[in-house]
Amino acid sequence: MNIMVELTRDQIAAANERGRIVRETQPHAKAARYDAKADRVVVDLTNGATFAFPPRLVEGLHDASPAEIAEVEVIGRGFGLHWGTLDLDYTVPGLVNGVFGTAKW
């Protein structure tokens, strides 16, 4: 069953404005890499700041090999990080705010 919803120009404009605000106020990545020597995932943010964290803190990365950790890629217009081999995704705002896994983790 397909339901088509028509959006008004005002609704589209409001959604675009919300997106602009998110892009301007929430951290997002322009690049990410694994620095094996420092044992840190390094995320370069679009605002010029750099954020780094040790993979041992992150659920799903804590026992990954250096080669697996190095497969990090930026996704979702910079709002996510993805490790394909590990089938693992994290949001950049979540990581910046110290969310390194589930509540149980």
Protein backbone atom coordinates (compact mmCIF):
# COMPACT_ATOMS: atom_id res chain seq x y z
CA MET A 1 0.00 0.00 0.00
CA ASN A 2 1.57 3.26 -1.11
CA ILE A 3 0.35 6.45 0.46
CA MET A 4 1.41 9.67 -1.18
CA VAL A 5 1.65 12.71 1.01
CA GLU A 6 1.77 16.09 -0.59
CA LEU A 7 3.95 18.66 1.05
CA THR A 8 3.33 22.34 0.85
CA ARG A 9 6.02 24.82 -0.11
CA ASP A 10 5.96 26.11 3.46
CA GLN A 11 6.56 22.61 4.85
CA ILE A 12 9.45 22.07 2.44
CA ALA A 13 10.94 25.46 3.32
CA ALA A 14 10.60 24.69 7.05
CA ALA A 15 12.32 21.29 6.59
CA ASN A 16 15.14 22.92 4.64
CA GLU A 17 15.57 25.49 7.41
CA ARG A 18 15.71 22.75 10.07
CA GLY A 19 18.37 20.98 7.99
CA ARG A 20 20.39 24.18 7.67
CA ILE A 21 20.28 24.69 11.45
CA VAL A 22 21.43 21.10 12.09
CA ARG A 23 24.31 21.47 9.61
CA GLU A 24 25.42 24.70 11.28
CA THR A 25 25.05 23.64 14.92
CA GLN A 26 25.88 19.92 15.12
CA PRO A 27 29.38 18.56 14.57
CA HIS A 28 29.95 16.64 11.40
CA ALA A 29 33.00 15.12 9.80
CA LYS A 30 34.82 16.00 6.64
CA ALA A 31 37.36 13.17 7.10
CA ALA A 32 38.16 10.28 9.43
CA ARG A 33 41.18 8.00 9.77
CA TYR A 34 42.84 5.64 12.19
CA ASP A 35 46.18 6.73 13.64
CA ALA A 36 47.68 3.36 14.58
CA LYS A 37 50.74 4.89 16.24
CA ALA A 38 48.58 6.91 18.66
CA ASP A 39 45.82 4.24 18.68
CA ARG A 40 43.17 6.87 18.00
CA VAL A 41 40.36 7.32 15.49
CA VAL A 42 40.81 10.90 14.32
CA VAL A 43 37.84 12.84 12.97
CA ASP A 44 38.36 16.18 11.25
CA LEU A 45 35.21 18.26 11.68
CA THR A 46 33.89 20.75 9.16
CA ASN A 47 34.28 23.60 11.66
CA GLY A 48 38.07 23.12 11.71
CA ALA A 49 38.22 21.21 14.99
CA THR A 50 39.57 17.68 15.33
CA PHE A 51 38.12 15.01 17.59
CA ALA A 52 40.00 11.81 18.48
CA PHE A 53 39.13 8.78 20.57
CA PRO A 54 40.71 5.43 21.43
CA PRO A 55 38.86 2.57 19.73
CA ARG A 56 38.95 0.50 22.94
CA LEU A 57 36.25 2.83 24.34
CA VAL A 58 33.81 2.04 21.53
CA GLU A 59 31.44 -0.91 21.52
CA GLY A 60 32.26 -2.93 18.44
CA LEU A 61 35.74 -1.48 18.03
CA HIS A 62 37.28 -2.50 21.36
CA ASP A 63 38.49 -5.86 20.03
CA ALA A 64 38.78 -5.01 16.33
CA SER A 65 42.09 -5.33 14.53
CA PRO A 66 44.00 -2.21 13.46
CA ALA A 67 43.20 -3.06 9.83
CA GLU A 68 39.47 -3.23 10.61
CA ILE A 69 39.54 0.05 12.54
CA ALA A 70 41.40 1.73 9.66
CA GLU A 71 38.46 1.00 7.34
CA VAL A 72 36.51 3.90 8.85
CA GLU A 73 34.60 6.02 6.37
CA VAL A 74 32.48 9.15 6.64
CA ILE A 75 28.82 8.67 5.67
CA GLY A 76 25.55 10.60 5.78
CA ARG A 77 26.91 14.02 4.79
CA GLY A 78 29.42 13.81 7.61
CA PHE A 79 27.01 12.92 10.39
CA GLY A 80 28.07 9.28 10.57
CA LEU A 81 31.09 6.99 10.66
CA HIS A 82 30.92 3.50 9.17
CA TRP A 83 33.10 0.40 9.46
CA GLY A 84 31.93 -1.92 6.69
CA THR A 85 33.76 -5.10 7.67
CA LEU A 86 32.49 -4.74 11.24
CA ASP A 87 28.96 -3.72 10.14
CA LEU A 88 29.23 -0.84 12.60
CA ASP A 89 27.90 2.71 12.46
CA TYR A 90 28.11 5.64 14.87
CA THR A 91 26.87 9.20 14.66
CA VAL A 92 29.50 11.91 14.85
CA PRO A 93 27.44 14.04 17.25
CA GLY A 94 26.99 10.99 19.49
CA LEU A 95 30.72 10.21 19.58
CA VAL A 96 31.59 13.85 20.25
CA ASN A 97 29.14 13.72 23.15
CA GLY A 98 30.69 10.56 24.57
CA VAL A 99 28.18 7.99 23.33
CA PHE A 100 30.51 5.04 22.70
CA GLY A 101 27.93 2.28 22.70
CA THR A 102 24.63 1.12 24.09
CA ALA A 103 23.55 1.94 27.65
CA LYS A 104 24.52 -1.60 28.63
CA TRP A 105 28.05 -1.02 27.25
